[in-house]
C-alpha atoms as a PDB file:
ATOM      1  CA  MET A   1       8.670  25.450 -25.495  1.00  0.00           C
ATOM      2  CA  GLN A   2      11.848  23.669 -24.440  1.00  0.00           C
ATOM      3  CA  THR A   3      14.623  22.947 -26.901  1.00  0.00           C
ATOM      4  CA  PRO A   4      16.029  19.367 -27.133  1.00  0.00           C
ATOM      5  CA  ASP A   5      19.111  20.452 -25.163  1.00  0.00           C
ATOM      6  CA  GLN A   6      16.926  21.950 -22.437  1.00  0.00           C
ATOM      7  CA  LYS A   7      14.882  18.761 -22.239  1.00  0.00           C
ATOM      8  CA  ARG A   8      18.003  16.625 -21.892  1.00  0.00           C
ATOM      9  CA  PHE A   9      19.331  18.949 -19.194  1.00  0.00           C
ATOM     10  CA  SER A  10      15.974  18.816 -17.408  1.00  0.00           C
ATOM     11  CA  ARG A  11      15.943  15.000 -17.488  1.00  0.00           C
ATOM     12  CA  ARG A  12      19.512  14.846 -16.153  1.00  0.00           C
ATOM     13  CA  SER A  13      18.605  17.348 -13.444  1.00  0.00           C
ATOM     14  CA  ASN A  14      15.545  15.340 -12.409  1.00  0.00           C
ATOM     15  CA  LEU A  15      17.582  12.143 -12.357  1.00  0.00           C
ATOM     16  CA  ALA A  16      20.325  13.753 -10.266  1.00  0.00           C
ATOM     17  CA  ASP A  17      17.706  15.130  -7.896  1.00  0.00           C
ATOM     18  CA  PHE A  18      16.030  11.714  -7.539  1.00  0.00           C
ATOM     19  CA  PHE A  19      19.316  10.055  -6.576  1.00  0.00           C
ATOM     20  CA  GLY A  20      20.521  13.009  -4.472  1.00  0.00           C
ATOM     21  CA  LEU A  21      23.628  13.607  -6.584  1.00  0.00           C
ATOM     22  CA  LYS A  22      25.033  16.839  -5.176  1.00  0.00           C
ATOM     23  CA  ARG A  23      28.603  17.943  -5.976  1.00  0.00           C
ATOM     24  CA  ASN A  24      30.313  16.736  -2.794  1.00  0.00           C
ATOM     25  CA  LEU A  25      28.424  13.463  -2.894  1.00  0.00           C
ATOM     26  CA  VAL A  26      29.496  12.807  -6.489  1.00  0.00           C
ATOM     27  CA  ILE A  27      33.141  13.384  -5.519  1.00  0.00           C
ATOM     28  CA  LEU A  28      32.700  11.093  -2.527  1.00  0.00           C
ATOM     29  CA  LEU A  29      31.116   8.391  -4.701  1.00  0.00           C
ATOM     30  CA  ILE A  30      34.038   8.546  -7.146  1.00  0.00           C
ATOM     31  CA  ALA A  31      36.490   8.142  -4.262  1.00  0.00           C
ATOM     32  CA  ILE A  32      34.508   5.223  -2.813  1.00  0.00           C
ATOM     33  CA  PHE A  33      34.414   3.494  -6.202  1.00  0.00           C
ATOM     34  CA  VAL A  34      38.099   3.912  -7.088  1.00  0.00           C
ATOM     35  CA  ILE A  35      39.467   2.941  -3.666  1.00  0.00           C
ATOM     36  CA  GLY A  36      37.036   0.028  -3.509  1.00  0.00           C
ATOM     37  CA  ALA A  37      38.132  -1.165  -6.951  1.00  0.00           C
ATOM     38  CA  GLY A  38      41.686  -1.419  -5.650  1.00  0.00           C
ATOM     39  CA  GLU A  39      40.934  -2.939  -2.252  1.00  0.00           C
ATOM     40  CA  GLU A  40      38.513  -5.561  -3.500  1.00  0.00           C
ATOM     41  CA  LEU A  41      41.136  -7.003  -5.851  1.00  0.00           C
ATOM     42  CA  TRP A  42      42.757  -8.616  -2.792  1.00  0.00           C
ATOM     43  CA  MET A  43      40.751  -7.934   0.390  1.00  0.00           C
ATOM     44  CA  ARG A  44      38.315 -10.786  -0.191  1.00  0.00           C
ATOM     45  CA  PHE A  45      41.206 -13.232  -0.524  1.00  0.00           C
ATOM     46  CA  LEU A  46      43.188 -12.207   2.569  1.00  0.00           C
ATOM     47  CA  PRO A  47      42.160 -15.271   4.623  1.00  0.00           C
ATOM     48  CA  LYS A  48      43.459 -17.503   1.817  1.00  0.00           C
ATOM     49  CA  TYR A  49      46.609 -15.353   1.581  1.00  0.00           C
ATOM     50  CA  LEU A  50      47.167 -15.735   5.326  1.00  0.00           C
ATOM     51  CA  GLN A  51      46.826 -19.488   4.941  1.00  0.00           C
ATOM     52  CA  ALA A  52      49.335 -19.437   2.059  1.00  0.00           C
ATOM     53  CA  VAL A  53      51.983 -17.527   4.066  1.00  0.00           C
ATOM     54  CA  GLY A  54      51.752 -19.985   6.958  1.00  0.00           C
ATOM     55  CA  ALA A  55      49.165 -18.487   9.297  1.00  0.00           C
ATOM     56  CA  THR A  56      47.454 -20.874  11.678  1.00  0.00           C
ATOM     57  CA  VAL A  57      43.708 -21.210  12.118  1.00  0.00           C
ATOM     58  CA  PHE A  58      43.998 -19.043  15.234  1.00  0.00           C
ATOM     59  CA  VAL A  59      45.772 -16.262  13.314  1.00  0.00           C
ATOM     60  CA  ILE A  60      43.141 -16.271  10.549  1.00  0.00           C
ATOM     61  CA  GLY A  61      40.425 -16.015  13.194  1.00  0.00           C
ATOM     62  CA  LEU A  62      42.411 -13.277  14.943  1.00  0.00           C
ATOM     63  CA  TYR A  63      42.637 -11.336  11.678  1.00  0.00           C
ATOM     64  CA  ASP A  64      38.874 -11.304  11.241  1.00  0.00           C
ATOM     65  CA  ALA A  65      38.285 -10.528  14.925  1.00  0.00           C
ATOM     66  CA  LEU A  66      40.651  -7.542  14.753  1.00  0.00           C
ATOM     67  CA  ARG A  67      39.112  -6.398  11.489  1.00  0.00           C
ATOM     68  CA  THR A  68      35.679  -6.381  13.119  1.00  0.00           C
ATOM     69  CA  LEU A  69      36.988  -4.712  16.276  1.00  0.00           C
ATOM     70  CA  LEU A  70      38.767  -1.969  14.347  1.00  0.00           C
ATOM     71  CA  GLY A  71      35.640  -1.414  12.268  1.00  0.00           C
ATOM     72  CA  ALA A  72      33.824  -0.623  15.505  1.00  0.00           C
ATOM     73  CA  ILE A  73      36.564   1.323  17.292  1.00  0.00           C
ATOM     74  CA  TYR A  74      37.794   3.428  14.360  1.00  0.00           C
ATOM     75  CA  ALA A  75      34.374   4.820  13.491  1.00  0.00           C
ATOM     76  CA  TYR A  76      34.082   7.089  16.529  1.00  0.00           C
ATOM     77  CA  PRO A  77      37.527   8.772  16.360  1.00  0.00           C
ATOM     78  CA  GLY A  78      36.982   8.993  12.616  1.00  0.00           C
ATOM     79  CA  GLY A  79      33.871  11.065  13.254  1.00  0.00           C
ATOM     80  CA  VAL A  80      35.683  13.241  15.817  1.00  0.00           C
ATOM     81  CA  LEU A  81      38.554  13.928  13.406  1.00  0.00           C
ATOM     82  CA  VAL A  82      36.146  14.849  10.610  1.00  0.00           C
ATOM     83  CA  ASP A  83      34.393  17.292  12.965  1.00  0.00           C
ATOM     84  CA  ARG A  84      37.719  18.899  13.863  1.00  0.00           C
ATOM     85  CA  TRP A  85      39.500  18.885  10.515  1.00  0.00           C
ATOM     86  CA  GLY A  86      36.653  18.974   7.990  1.00  0.00           C
ATOM     87  CA  HIS A  87      35.779  16.366   5.355  1.00  0.00           C
ATOM     88  CA  ARG A  88      38.524  17.000   2.804  1.00  0.00           C
ATOM     89  CA  PRO A  89      41.628  16.923   5.073  1.00  0.00           C
ATOM     90  CA  ALA A  90      40.273  14.003   7.105  1.00  0.00           C
ATOM     91  CA  LEU A  91      39.431  11.833   4.093  1.00  0.00           C
ATOM     92  CA  ILE A  92      42.822  12.513   2.487  1.00  0.00           C
ATOM     93  CA  ILE A  93      44.659  11.563   5.694  1.00  0.00           C
ATOM     94  CA  PHE A  94      42.590   8.373   6.045  1.00  0.00           C
ATOM     95  CA  ASN A  95      43.491   7.527   2.459  1.00  0.00           C
ATOM     96  CA  VAL A  96      47.225   8.108   3.038  1.00  0.00           C
ATOM     97  CA  LEU A  97      47.178   5.874   6.126  1.00  0.00           C
ATOM     98  CA  SER A  98      45.561   3.124   4.066  1.00  0.00           C
ATOM     99  CA  ILE A  99      48.270   3.403   1.398  1.00  0.00           C
ATOM    100  CA  VAL A 100      50.931   2.981   4.089  1.00  0.00           C
ATOM    101  CA  GLY A 101      49.106  -0.153   5.275  1.00  0.00           C
ATOM    102  CA  TYR A 102      48.945  -1.586   1.744  1.00  0.00           C
ATOM    103  CA  THR A 103      52.683  -0.964   1.401  1.00  0.00           C
ATOM    104  CA  VAL A 104      53.482  -2.831   4.632  1.00  0.00           C
ATOM    105  CA  VAL A 105      51.597  -5.919   3.427  1.00  0.00           C
ATOM    106  CA  LEU A 106      53.206  -5.663  -0.019  1.00  0.00           C
ATOM    107  CA  LEU A 107      56.796  -5.409   1.191  1.00  0.00           C
ATOM    108  CA  VAL A 108      56.606  -8.075   3.908  1.00  0.00           C
ATOM    109  CA  PRO A 109      54.954 -11.328   2.713  1.00  0.00           C
ATOM    110  CA  HIS A 110      54.290 -12.615   6.235  1.00  0.00           C
ATOM    111  CA  TRP A 111      51.079 -13.029   8.210  1.00  0.00           C
ATOM    112  CA  GLY A 112      52.444 -10.674  10.880  1.00  0.00           C
ATOM    113  CA  ALA A 113      52.623  -7.878   8.297  1.00  0.00           C
ATOM    114  CA  VAL A 114      48.904  -8.338   7.561  1.00  0.00           C
ATOM    115  CA  ILE A 115      48.029  -8.088  11.268  1.00  0.00           C
ATOM    116  CA  VAL A 116      50.159  -4.943  11.673  1.00  0.00           C
ATOM    117  CA  GLY A 117      49.207  -3.444   8.320  1.00  0.00           C
ATOM    118  CA  MET A 118      45.481  -3.810   8.896  1.00  0.00           C
ATOM    119  CA  PHE A 119      45.654  -1.157  11.634  1.00  0.00           C
ATOM    120  CA  LEU A 120      46.534   1.191   8.763  1.00  0.00           C
ATOM    121  CA  PHE A 121      44.874  -0.198   5.622  1.00  0.00           C
ATOM    122  CA  LEU A 122      41.464  -0.252   7.319  1.00  0.00           C
ATOM    123  CA  SER A 123      41.725   3.502   7.891  1.00  0.00           C
ATOM    124  CA  TRP A 124      39.775   4.474   4.785  1.00  0.00           C
ATOM    125  CA  SER A 125      36.898   2.027   5.125  1.00  0.00           C
ATOM    126  CA  CYS A 126      36.537   2.443   8.924  1.00  0.00           C
ATOM    127  CA  PHE A 127      37.632   6.002   9.758  1.00  0.00           C
ATOM    128  CA  SER A 128      35.791   7.464   6.765  1.00  0.00           C
ATOM    129  CA  LEU A 129      32.410   5.864   7.520  1.00  0.00           C
ATOM    130  CA  PRO A 130      31.125   8.753   9.712  1.00  0.00           C
ATOM    131  CA  ALA A 131      32.429  11.244   7.160  1.00  0.00           C
ATOM    132  CA  THR A 132      30.452   9.655   4.346  1.00  0.00           C
ATOM    133  CA  PHE A 133      27.256   9.632   6.409  1.00  0.00           C
ATOM    134  CA  SER A 134      27.743  13.243   7.541  1.00  0.00           C
ATOM    135  CA  LEU A 135      28.282  14.347   3.941  1.00  0.00           C
ATOM    136  CA  VAL A 136      24.950  12.767   3.043  1.00  0.00           C
ATOM    137  CA  GLY A 137      23.311  14.507   5.994  1.00  0.00           C
ATOM    138  CA  ALA A 138      24.830  17.882   5.084  1.00  0.00           C
ATOM    139  CA  ALA A 139      24.008  17.708   1.374  1.00  0.00           C
ATOM    140  CA  LEU A 140      20.480  16.289   1.410  1.00  0.00           C
ATOM    141  CA  GLU A 141      17.202  17.012   3.117  1.00  0.00           C
ATOM    142  CA  ALA A 142      16.122  14.694   5.936  1.00  0.00           C
ATOM    143  CA  ASN A 143      13.548  12.924   3.762  1.00  0.00           C
ATOM    144  CA  ARG A 144      16.278  12.067   1.214  1.00  0.00           C
ATOM    145  CA  HIS A 145      18.839  10.520   3.571  1.00  0.00           C
ATOM    146  CA  SER A 146      17.851   6.922   2.860  1.00  0.00           C
ATOM    147  CA  MET A 147      18.249   7.501  -0.880  1.00  0.00           C
ATOM    148  CA  GLY A 148      21.611   9.211  -0.377  1.00  0.00           C
ATOM    149  CA  ILE A 149      22.935   6.365   1.744  1.00  0.00           C
ATOM    150  CA  GLY A 150      21.357   3.853  -0.650  1.00  0.00           C
ATOM    151  CA  VAL A 151      23.171   5.317  -3.671  1.00  0.00           C
ATOM    152  CA  GLN A 152      26.406   5.330  -1.683  1.00  0.00           C
ATOM    153  CA  SER A 153      25.841   1.662  -0.809  1.00  0.00           C
ATOM    154  CA  VAL A 154      25.273   0.809  -4.489  1.00  0.00           C
ATOM    155  CA  ILE A 155      28.438   2.603  -5.613  1.00  0.00           C
ATOM    156  CA  LYS A 156      30.386   0.882  -2.848  1.00  0.00           C
ATOM    157  CA  ARG A 157      29.219  -2.495  -4.146  1.00  0.00           C
ATOM    158  CA  LEU A 158      29.920  -1.897  -7.825  1.00  0.00           C
ATOM    159  CA  PRO A 159      33.691  -2.477  -7.539  1.00  0.00           C
ATOM    160  CA  ILE A 160      32.966  -5.508  -5.345  1.00  0.00           C
ATOM    161  CA  MET A 161      31.081  -6.944  -8.330  1.00  0.00           C
ATOM    162  CA  ILE A 162      34.044  -6.516 -10.675  1.00  0.00           C
ATOM    163  CA  ALA A 163      37.327  -6.426  -8.757  1.00  0.00           C
ATOM    164  CA  PRO A 164      37.189  -9.865  -7.027  1.00  0.00           C
ATOM    165  CA  ILE A 165      36.830 -11.563 -10.424  1.00  0.00           C
ATOM    166  CA  LEU A 166      39.943  -9.749 -11.681  1.00  0.00           C
ATOM    167  CA  GLY A 167      41.741 -10.438  -8.412  1.00  0.00           C
ATOM    168  CA  GLY A 168      40.759 -14.099  -8.687  1.00  0.00           C
ATOM    169  CA  MET A 169      42.209 -14.212 -12.201  1.00  0.00           C
ATOM    170  CA  LEU A 170      45.492 -12.790 -10.856  1.00  0.00           C
ATOM    171  CA  ILE A 171      45.569 -15.426  -8.113  1.00  0.00           C
ATOM    172  CA  ASP A 172      44.710 -18.279 -10.476  1.00  0.00           C
ATOM    173  CA  HIS A 173      47.475 -17.158 -12.871  1.00  0.00           C
ATOM    174  CA  PHE A 174      50.266 -16.071 -10.492  1.00  0.00           C
ATOM    175  CA  GLY A 175      49.408 -17.970  -7.305  1.00  0.00           C
ATOM    176  CA  VAL A 176      47.883 -16.695  -4.064  1.00  0.00           C
ATOM    177  CA  ILE A 177      50.910 -14.807  -2.716  1.00  0.00           C
ATOM    178  CA  ASP A 178      52.123 -13.175  -5.945  1.00  0.00           C
ATOM    179  CA  GLY A 179      48.569 -12.510  -7.124  1.00  0.00           C
ATOM    180  CA  VAL A 180      47.705 -10.642  -3.921  1.00  0.00           C
ATOM    181  CA  ARG A 181      50.956  -8.643  -4.086  1.00  0.00           C
ATOM    182  CA  ILE A 182      50.254  -7.557  -7.682  1.00  0.00           C
ATOM    183  CA  ALA A 183      46.759  -6.542  -6.598  1.00  0.00           C
ATOM    184  CA  LEU A 184      48.270  -4.490  -3.756  1.00  0.00           C
ATOM    185  CA  VAL A 185      50.423  -2.546  -6.243  1.00  0.00           C
ATOM    186  CA  ILE A 186      47.299  -1.711  -8.265  1.00  0.00           C
ATOM    187  CA  SER A 187      45.482  -0.734  -5.063  1.00  0.00           C
ATOM    188  CA  ILE A 188      48.267   1.666  -4.034  1.00  0.00           C
ATOM    189  CA  PHE A 189      48.176   3.320  -7.470  1.00  0.00           C
ATOM    190  CA  LEU A 190      44.378   3.764  -7.469  1.00  0.00           C
ATOM    191  CA  SER A 191      44.336   5.111  -3.912  1.00  0.00           C
ATOM    192  CA  GLY A 192      46.994   7.629  -4.877  1.00  0.00           C
ATOM    193  CA  LEU A 193      44.840   8.826  -7.769  1.00  0.00           C
ATOM    194  CA  THR A 194      41.884   9.170  -5.419  1.00  0.00           C
ATOM    195  CA  ILE A 195      43.710  11.772  -3.344  1.00  0.00           C
ATOM    196  CA  LEU A 196      43.540  14.078  -6.379  1.00  0.00           C
ATOM    197  CA  VAL A 197      39.771  13.538  -6.489  1.00  0.00           C
ATOM    198  CA  GLN A 198      39.340  14.159  -2.755  1.00  0.00           C
ATOM    199  CA  ARG A 199      41.134  17.494  -3.049  1.00  0.00           C
ATOM    200  CA  GLN A 200      38.087  18.750  -4.975  1.00  0.00           C
ATOM    201  CA  LEU A 201      35.820  18.380  -1.928  1.00  0.00           C
ATOM    202  CA  ARG A 202      34.662  21.638  -0.386  1.00  0.00           C
ATOM    203  CA  ASP A 203      32.868  22.518   2.825  1.00  0.00           C
ATOM    204  CA  ASP A 204      29.579  23.996   1.745  1.00  0.00           C
ATOM    205  CA  SER A 205      28.391  25.335   5.076  1.00  0.00           C
ATOM    206  CA  ASP A 206      29.765  27.856   7.557  1.00  0.00           C
ATOM    207  CA  ALA A 207      29.363  25.316  10.336  1.00  0.00           C
ATOM    208  CA  ASP A 208      31.632  22.867   8.526  1.00  0.00           C
ATOM    209  CA  ALA A 209      34.238  25.554   8.017  1.00  0.00           C
ATOM    210  CA  ARG A 210      34.161  26.575  11.691  1.00  0.00           C
ATOM    211  CA  ILE A 211      34.436  22.969  12.842  1.00  0.00           C
ATOM    212  CA  ALA A 212      37.327  22.353  10.451  1.00  0.00           C
ATOM    213  CA  ALA A 213      39.072  25.445  11.826  1.00  0.00           C
ATOM    214  CA  GLY A 214      38.477  24.342  15.422  1.00  0.00           C
ATOM    215  CA  THR A 215      36.428  27.447  16.237  1.00  0.00           C
ATOM    216  CA  ALA A 216      33.040  25.823  16.691  1.00  0.00           C
ATOM    217  CA  PRO A 217      31.444  26.555  20.073  1.00  0.00           C
ATOM    218  CA  GLN A 218      31.712  23.850  22.722  1.00  0.00           C
ATOM    219  CA  SER A 219      27.954  23.247  22.607  1.00  0.00           C
ATOM    220  CA  GLU A 220      28.349  21.924  19.054  1.00  0.00           C
ATOM    221  CA  ARG A 221      30.961  19.340  20.056  1.00  0.00           C
ATOM    222  CA  TRP A 222      29.808  15.856  20.900  1.00  0.00           C
ATOM    223  CA  THR A 223      31.296  13.261  23.207  1.00  0.00           C
ATOM    224  CA  PHE A 224      30.794   9.504  23.044  1.00  0.00           C
ATOM    225  CA  TRP A 225      28.578   9.426  26.119  1.00  0.00           C
ATOM    226  CA  ARG A 226      26.514  12.387  24.966  1.00  0.00           C
ATOM    227  CA  SER A 227      25.962  10.640  21.652  1.00  0.00           C
ATOM    228  CA  PHE A 228      24.932   7.430  23.411  1.00  0.00           C
ATOM    229  CA  HIS A 229      22.525   9.157  25.791  1.00  0.00           C
ATOM    230  CA  GLU A 230      20.866  10.963  22.881  1.00  0.00           C
ATOM    231  CA  PHE A 231      19.739   7.582  21.478  1.00  0.00           C
ATOM    232  CA  ASN A 232      16.021   7.068  21.974  1.00  0.00           C
ATOM    233  CA  GLN A 233      14.611   3.665  22.926  1.00  0.00           C
ATOM    234  CA  PRO A 234      14.043   2.451  19.317  1.00  0.00           C
ATOM    235  CA  MET A 235      17.626   3.433  18.399  1.00  0.00           C
ATOM    236  CA  ARG A 236      18.994   1.512  21.384  1.00  0.00           C
ATOM    237  CA  ARG A 237      17.007  -1.568  20.405  1.00  0.00           C
ATOM    238  CA  LEU A 238      18.263  -1.234  16.837  1.00  0.00           C
ATOM    239  CA  LEU A 239      21.854  -0.925  18.088  1.00  0.00           C
ATOM    240  CA  LEU A 240      21.516  -4.068  20.222  1.00  0.00           C
ATOM    241  CA  SER A 241      19.921  -5.962  17.334  1.00  0.00           C
ATOM    242  CA  ASP A 242      22.675  -4.884  14.972  1.00  0.00           C
ATOM    243  CA  ILE A 243      25.363  -5.991  17.444  1.00  0.00           C
ATOM    244  CA  LEU A 244      23.795  -9.443  17.718  1.00  0.00           C
ATOM    245  CA  ILE A 245      23.282  -9.927  13.972  1.00  0.00           C
ATOM    246  CA  ARG A 246      26.800  -8.699  13.169  1.00  0.00           C
ATOM    247  CA  PHE A 247      28.219 -11.108  15.747  1.00  0.00           C
ATOM    248  CA  CYS A 248      26.476 -13.978  13.986  1.00  0.00           C
ATOM    249  CA  GLU A 249      27.571 -12.705  10.572  1.00  0.00           C
ATOM    250  CA  ARG A 250      31.253 -12.649  11.501  1.00  0.00           C
ATOM    251  CA  VAL A 251      31.408 -16.233  12.803  1.00  0.00           C
ATOM    252  CA  PRO A 252      31.712 -17.752   9.282  1.00  0.00           C
ATOM    253  CA  TYR A 253      32.945 -14.618   7.461  1.00  0.00           C
ATOM    254  CA  ALA A 254      36.717 -15.242   7.341  1.00  0.00           C
ATOM    255  CA  TRP A 255      36.240 -18.870   6.418  1.00  0.00           C
ATOM    256  CA  VAL A 256      33.872 -18.546   3.456  1.00  0.00           C
ATOM    257  CA  VAL A 257      36.689 -18.111   0.894  1.00  0.00           C
ATOM    258  CA  ILE A 258      38.733 -20.971   2.385  1.00  0.00           C
ATOM    259  CA  PHE A 259      35.614 -23.160   2.584  1.00  0.00           C
ATOM    260  CA  ALA A 260      34.778 -22.428  -1.058  1.00  0.00           C
ATOM    261  CA  MET A 261      38.296 -22.989  -2.433  1.00  0.00           C
ATOM    262  CA  ASP A 262      39.496 -25.858  -0.232  1.00  0.00           C
ATOM    263  CA  TYR A 263      36.289 -27.774   0.524  1.00  0.00           C
ATOM    264  CA  ILE A 264      33.993 -27.088  -2.434  1.00  0.00           C
ATOM    265  CA  GLY A 265      36.910 -26.830  -4.871  1.00  0.00           C
ATOM    266  CA  VAL A 266      36.077 -23.597  -6.705  1.00  0.00           C
ATOM    267  CA  SER A 267      38.794 -21.425  -8.257  1.00  0.00           C
ATOM    268  CA  ALA A 268      39.708 -17.910  -7.101  1.00  0.00           C
ATOM    269  CA  GLN A 269      37.981 -16.488 -10.182  1.00  0.00           C
ATOM    270  CA  GLN A 270      34.816 -18.396  -9.289  1.00  0.00           C
ATOM    271  CA  VAL A 271      34.995 -16.875  -5.800  1.00  0.00           C
ATOM    272  CA  GLY A 272      34.934 -13.519  -7.569  1.00  0.00           C
ATOM    273  CA  VAL A 273      31.849 -14.606  -9.532  1.00  0.00           C
ATOM    274  CA  LEU A 274      30.157 -15.618  -6.267  1.00  0.00           C
ATOM    275  CA  THR A 275      30.943 -12.183  -4.856  1.00  0.00           C
ATOM    276  CA  THR A 276      29.433 -10.577  -7.971  1.00  0.00           C
ATOM    277  CA  VAL A 277      26.209 -12.539  -7.483  1.00  0.00           C
ATOM    278  CA  GLU A 278      26.094 -11.412  -3.862  1.00  0.00           C
ATOM    279  CA  MET A 279      26.588  -7.743  -4.728  1.00  0.00           C
ATOM    280  CA  LEU A 280      24.159  -7.834  -7.666  1.00  0.00           C
ATOM    281  CA  ALA A 281      21.423  -9.186  -5.399  1.00  0.00           C
ATOM    282  CA  ALA A 282      22.169  -6.415  -2.892  1.00  0.00           C
ATOM    283  CA  ILE A 283      22.151  -3.651  -5.527  1.00  0.00           C
ATOM    284  CA  LEU A 284      18.810  -4.787  -6.958  1.00  0.00           C
ATOM    285  CA  CYS A 285      17.326  -4.432  -3.479  1.00  0.00           C
ATOM    286  CA  ILE A 286      18.971  -1.238  -2.214  1.00  0.00           C
ATOM    287  CA  ILE A 287      17.523   1.485  -4.487  1.00  0.00           C
ATOM    288  CA  PRO A 288      13.839   0.436  -4.310  1.00  0.00           C
ATOM    289  CA  ALA A 289      14.190  -0.261  -0.578  1.00  0.00           C
ATOM    290  CA  SER A 290      15.748   3.180  -0.028  1.00  0.00           C
ATOM    291  CA  HIS A 291      13.012   4.880  -2.047  1.00  0.00           C
ATOM    292  CA  TYR A 292      10.165   3.241  -0.154  1.00  0.00           C
ATOM    293  CA  ALA A 293      11.908   3.573   3.213  1.00  0.00           C
ATOM    294  CA  ASP A 294      12.012   7.360   2.696  1.00  0.00           C
ATOM    295  CA  ARG A 295       8.320   7.419   1.761  1.00  0.00           C
ATOM    296  CA  TYR A 296       7.006   4.966   4.331  1.00  0.00           C
ATOM    297  CA  ARG A 297       8.492   3.216   7.376  1.00  0.00           C
ATOM    298  CA  ARG A 298      12.064   1.931   7.672  1.00  0.00           C
ATOM    299  CA  GLU A 299      11.455  -0.826  10.239  1.00  0.00           C
ATOM    300  CA  PRO A 300      10.153  -3.510   7.815  1.00  0.00           C
ATOM    301  CA  PHE A 301      13.255  -3.170   5.640  1.00  0.00           C
ATOM    302  CA  VAL A 302      15.548  -3.535   8.672  1.00  0.00           C
ATOM    303  CA  ILE A 303      13.681  -6.682   9.733  1.00  0.00           C
ATOM    304  CA  VAL A 304      13.921  -8.239   6.258  1.00  0.00           C
ATOM    305  CA  THR A 305      17.671  -7.489   6.221  1.00  0.00           C
ATOM    306  CA  PHE A 306      18.140  -9.278   9.542  1.00  0.00           C
ATOM    307  CA  ILE A 307      16.175 -12.275   8.249  1.00  0.00           C
ATOM    308  CA  MET A 308      18.460 -12.522   5.206  1.00  0.00           C
ATOM    309  CA  PHE A 309      21.558 -12.358   7.405  1.00  0.00           C
ATOM    310  CA  THR A 310      20.129 -15.273   9.391  1.00  0.00           C
ATOM    311  CA  LEU A 311      19.391 -17.391   6.314  1.00  0.00           C
ATOM    312  CA  PHE A 312      22.864 -16.953   4.781  1.00  0.00           C
ATOM    313  CA  PRO A 313      24.955 -19.234   7.068  1.00  0.00           C
ATOM    314  CA  ILE A 314      22.173 -21.840   7.060  1.00  0.00           C
ATOM    315  CA  SER A 315      22.058 -21.958   3.265  1.00  0.00           C
ATOM    316  CA  LEU A 316      25.871 -21.916   3.094  1.00  0.00           C
ATOM    317  CA  LEU A 317      25.993 -24.982   5.340  1.00  0.00           C
ATOM    318  CA  MET A 318      23.826 -26.901   2.857  1.00  0.00           C
ATOM    319  CA  SER A 319      25.806 -25.941  -0.271  1.00  0.00           C
ATOM    320  CA  ARG A 320      28.143 -28.530  -1.779  1.00  0.00           C
ATOM    321  CA  SER A 321      28.799 -27.088  -5.256  1.00  0.00           C
ATOM    322  CA  PHE A 322      29.542 -23.868  -7.122  1.00  0.00           C
ATOM    323  CA  PRO A 323      25.842 -23.389  -8.169  1.00  0.00           C
ATOM    324  CA  GLY A 324      24.858 -23.995  -4.564  1.00  0.00           C
ATOM    325  CA  HIS A 325      27.201 -21.214  -3.437  1.00  0.00           C
ATOM    326  CA  ARG A 326      25.628 -18.854  -5.972  1.00  0.00           C
ATOM    327  CA  ILE A 327      22.188 -19.468  -4.493  1.00  0.00           C
ATOM    328  CA  CYS A 328      23.548 -18.866  -0.998  1.00  0.00           C
ATOM    329  CA  ASP A 329      25.214 -15.591  -1.957  1.00  0.00           C
ATOM    330  CA  SER A 330      21.973 -14.275  -3.404  1.00  0.00           C
ATOM    331  CA  TRP A 331      20.519 -14.224   0.125  1.00  0.00           C
ATOM    332  CA  VAL A 332      22.889 -11.486   1.246  1.00  0.00           C
END
């Protein structure tokens, strides 16, 4: 007969097991949440900030193009560095580089500082992506990977639900330039705190330790071309599909905030509310989709995601009011 304390512990254990909450993953989720809470205070408003500091339409487009390019390019060396250094040192270094990038944008209120700084402040979100996926793979069984990545996706979206509203309030109260700079100060502080959290990560396997020490055998090291050739035909089709859908997604991406504030006439705080609606819709879908994708087939969920990406710009085109924007954001 279990005591009440034993029953509570058993329920917590079952819940942690269902969501795949192992020690390293919990630490990673905390880091993702805290850094995201800082970044999302201002990141969503960068196109409007660029406009406010005198950037041309070309520069705003260039910013988003570079952001997308770096997101693609940084992922591979990020994975290589994690393999060589281990998760903890790599994630801490990526975090420090991001702080340097935040500082550049903070100290120099010019659009050129954003373009230069983004090569650094995107380090965490782009370099760390392979590390987060590999931590999921190392900590969980193969039939739990979708749930592990799903929980990570939910935690990543939680600060996006909250921070843009607070960032919008800062911008509405202090103006676009000063509001973004105050948000950058908060972001630097939170990222600094996260380094203390990341120091608690540990490599749980001997293989991780050998890779971090640089003593792993050559057969365990991967090159870009070896990785590409290992893709089977379905993976190659998925990669091509993802490239096409992401290309379409990025066409309106940088302009959504400017469109909402300048054309529709919503406030910065209302932009934050729109972002919250978007993230809430995503969160309500992710956990059940992850659960059933692990139990059944993943392809239908990928197809539905691509359909929603397609409907978003179409619905955005038809919106002419704040409620209309809320309906559009619920698609993605």
